[in-house]
Amino acid sequence: MIDTKRRAELDAAIELLHFSYRELVVRPDRVLAARGLARAHHRILYFVAKLRSPAVSELLQALGVSKQALAGPLRDLYAQQLLRFERGAADARVKRLVLTDAGRKLEARLAAQQRQAFDLAFAGAGSAAELGWRAVMGRLAADAMRRAGRPVPDA
């Protein structure tokens, strides 16, 4: 059982996570909303760029979502010509996701806003605080991935 003092500290951590996440996404959300898009679209753009033309199955695994959850946002991004589908070179049955020039520019703009926010926060908090934050977030992410039966990357 968690004692009252520790509970208050943990509640404060939950609140900090909530408000800091909201701050991290507010500017990208505005850019997306102007295009009729949302955070799900942003996550797709980010991971398609990060994974460099992943197969749909690779994107599903990275995001930890179902095909049904991915289908609508992919359709939206395709309709706005932000991504395209290509057949795999080794296996034509494999659909690969590729960002268009417009998709790369949008993803870069959104990610730059978030990188800047992290850079400023880490610079202000110091390298020891950054390492601590990375350790905590890495632990939470690893626990979630294990529960989902997904491979946990090395930190």
Protein backbone atom coordinates (compact mmCIF):
# COMPACT_ATOMS: atom_id res chain seq x y z
CA MET A 1 0.00 0.00 0.00
CA ILE A 2 1.28 3.45 -0.91
CA ASP A 3 1.35 5.88 2.01
CA THR A 4 -0.34 9.29 1.83
CA LYS A 5 2.85 11.31 1.32
CA ARG A 6 4.06 9.04 -1.49
CA ARG A 7 0.62 9.08 -3.08
CA ALA A 8 0.69 12.88 -3.20
CA GLU A 9 4.15 12.79 -4.83
CA LEU A 10 2.98 10.24 -7.40
CA ASP A 11 -0.16 12.27 -8.11
CA ALA A 12 2.06 15.31 -8.70
CA ALA A 13 4.15 13.23 -11.17
CA ILE A 14 0.98 12.23 -13.03
CA GLU A 15 -0.09 15.85 -13.24
CA LEU A 16 3.35 16.94 -14.48
CA LEU A 17 3.20 14.31 -17.20
CA HIS A 18 -0.28 15.46 -18.23
CA PHE A 19 0.62 19.15 -18.43
CA SER A 20 4.03 18.63 -20.02
CA TYR A 21 2.54 16.37 -22.69
CA ARG A 22 -0.13 18.95 -23.39
CA GLU A 23 2.59 21.60 -23.82
CA LEU A 24 4.59 19.31 -26.10
CA VAL A 25 1.66 18.73 -28.48
CA VAL A 26 -0.11 22.10 -28.48
CA ARG A 27 1.80 23.64 -31.41
CA PRO A 28 1.84 20.51 -33.58
CA ASP A 29 -1.88 20.02 -32.84
CA ARG A 30 -2.63 23.48 -34.23
CA VAL A 31 -0.71 22.78 -37.44
CA LEU A 32 -2.47 19.43 -37.82
CA ALA A 33 -5.92 20.86 -37.06
CA ALA A 34 -5.50 23.41 -39.85
CA ARG A 35 -5.26 20.42 -42.21
CA GLY A 36 -8.09 18.48 -40.57
CA LEU A 37 -5.61 16.05 -39.01
CA ALA A 38 -4.93 14.91 -35.44
CA ARG A 39 -2.26 13.31 -33.25
CA ALA A 40 -2.79 9.87 -34.76
CA HIS A 41 -1.76 11.32 -38.11
CA HIS A 42 1.29 12.92 -36.50
CA ARG A 43 2.39 9.61 -34.94
CA ILE A 44 2.09 7.91 -38.33
CA LEU A 45 4.09 10.61 -40.10
CA TYR A 46 6.76 10.49 -37.39
CA PHE A 47 7.19 6.73 -37.44
CA VAL A 48 7.06 6.42 -41.23
CA ALA A 49 9.92 8.95 -41.32
CA LYS A 50 11.78 7.32 -38.43
CA LEU A 51 11.44 3.77 -39.78
CA ARG A 52 12.24 4.91 -43.33
CA SER A 53 9.51 3.49 -45.51
CA PRO A 54 8.23 0.73 -43.26
CA ALA A 55 5.93 -2.06 -44.32
CA VAL A 56 2.41 -1.58 -42.97
CA SER A 57 3.04 -4.50 -40.58
CA GLU A 58 6.15 -2.76 -39.21
CA LEU A 59 4.21 0.43 -38.59
CA LEU A 60 1.45 -1.53 -36.85
CA GLN A 61 4.01 -3.08 -34.53
CA ALA A 62 5.75 0.23 -33.81
CA LEU A 63 2.49 1.98 -32.97
CA GLY A 64 0.90 -0.98 -31.21
CA VAL A 65 -2.45 -0.43 -32.91
CA SER A 66 -4.82 -2.57 -34.96
CA LYS A 67 -5.19 -2.46 -38.74
CA GLN A 68 -8.63 -0.95 -38.24
CA ALA A 69 -7.23 1.88 -36.09
CA LEU A 70 -4.56 2.62 -38.69
CA ALA A 71 -6.74 2.43 -41.79
CA GLY A 72 -8.61 5.74 -41.43
CA PRO A 73 -5.61 7.95 -40.65
CA LEU A 74 -3.60 6.29 -43.45
CA ARG A 75 -6.45 7.01 -45.85
CA ASP A 76 -6.48 10.67 -44.74
CA LEU A 77 -2.72 11.05 -45.19
CA TYR A 78 -2.91 9.42 -48.61
CA ALA A 79 -5.82 11.67 -49.64
CA GLN A 80 -3.81 14.74 -48.65
CA GLN A 81 -0.85 13.40 -50.62
CA LEU A 82 1.35 13.25 -47.54
CA LEU A 83 2.23 9.61 -48.04
CA ARG A 84 2.06 7.00 -50.74
CA PHE A 85 2.15 3.23 -50.88
CA GLU A 86 4.87 1.36 -52.74
CA ARG A 87 5.24 -2.33 -53.39
CA GLY A 88 8.23 -3.97 -51.73
CA ALA A 89 11.22 -4.55 -54.00
CA ALA A 90 11.84 -8.06 -52.68
CA ASP A 91 8.17 -9.01 -52.26
CA ALA A 92 5.46 -7.20 -54.24
CA ARG A 93 2.83 -8.37 -51.72
CA VAL A 94 4.38 -6.07 -49.09
CA LYS A 95 3.04 -2.51 -48.99
CA ARG A 96 5.62 0.06 -47.91
CA LEU A 97 4.70 3.51 -46.67
CA VAL A 98 6.67 6.41 -48.11
CA LEU A 99 6.34 10.08 -47.22
CA THR A 100 5.88 12.42 -50.15
CA ASP A 101 7.82 15.69 -50.26
CA ALA A 102 4.84 17.40 -48.62
CA GLY A 103 4.67 14.65 -45.98
CA ARG A 104 8.39 14.98 -45.21
CA LYS A 105 8.07 18.75 -44.86
CA LEU A 106 5.05 18.49 -42.55
CA GLU A 107 6.67 15.79 -40.41
CA ALA A 108 9.89 17.80 -40.17
CA ARG A 109 7.97 20.91 -39.10
CA LEU A 110 6.04 19.04 -36.40
CA ALA A 111 9.07 17.18 -35.07
CA ALA A 112 11.20 20.35 -35.06
CA GLN A 113 8.70 22.02 -32.74
CA GLN A 114 8.89 19.10 -30.33
CA ARG A 115 12.67 18.74 -30.55
CA GLN A 116 13.01 22.42 -29.70
CA ALA A 117 10.76 22.02 -26.66
CA PHE A 118 12.81 19.06 -25.42
CA ASP A 119 16.11 20.82 -26.14
CA LEU A 120 15.08 23.86 -24.10
CA ALA A 121 13.73 21.75 -21.23
CA PHE A 122 16.79 19.50 -21.09
CA ALA A 123 19.16 22.47 -21.29
CA GLY A 124 17.34 24.15 -18.42
CA ALA A 125 17.18 21.03 -16.26
CA GLY A 126 20.74 19.83 -16.86
CA SER A 127 22.26 16.60 -18.12
CA ALA A 128 21.71 14.65 -14.89
CA ALA A 129 18.01 15.51 -14.96
CA GLU A 130 17.82 14.49 -18.62
CA LEU A 131 19.41 11.12 -17.84
CA GLY A 132 16.95 10.62 -14.97
CA TRP A 133 13.99 11.52 -17.17
CA ARG A 134 15.18 9.12 -19.88
CA ALA A 135 15.57 6.33 -17.30
CA VAL A 136 12.05 6.81 -15.93
CA MET A 137 10.41 7.15 -19.35
CA GLY A 138 12.41 4.19 -20.68
CA ARG A 139 11.24 2.06 -17.77
CA LEU A 140 7.59 3.00 -18.29
CA ALA A 141 7.84 2.34 -22.03
CA ALA A 142 9.60 -1.01 -21.52
CA ASP A 143 6.96 -2.14 -19.02
CA ALA A 144 4.19 -1.23 -21.46
CA MET A 145 5.91 -3.05 -24.33
CA ARG A 146 6.43 -6.19 -22.24
CA ARG A 147 2.76 -6.23 -21.22
CA ALA A 148 1.79 -5.89 -24.89
CA GLY A 149 4.11 -8.78 -25.81
CA ARG A 150 6.24 -6.53 -27.98
CA PRO A 151 10.04 -6.58 -28.14
CA VAL A 152 11.76 -4.07 -25.86
CA PRO A 153 14.57 -2.17 -27.59
CA ASP A 154 17.89 -1.81 -25.83
CA ALA A 155 18.24 1.53 -24.10
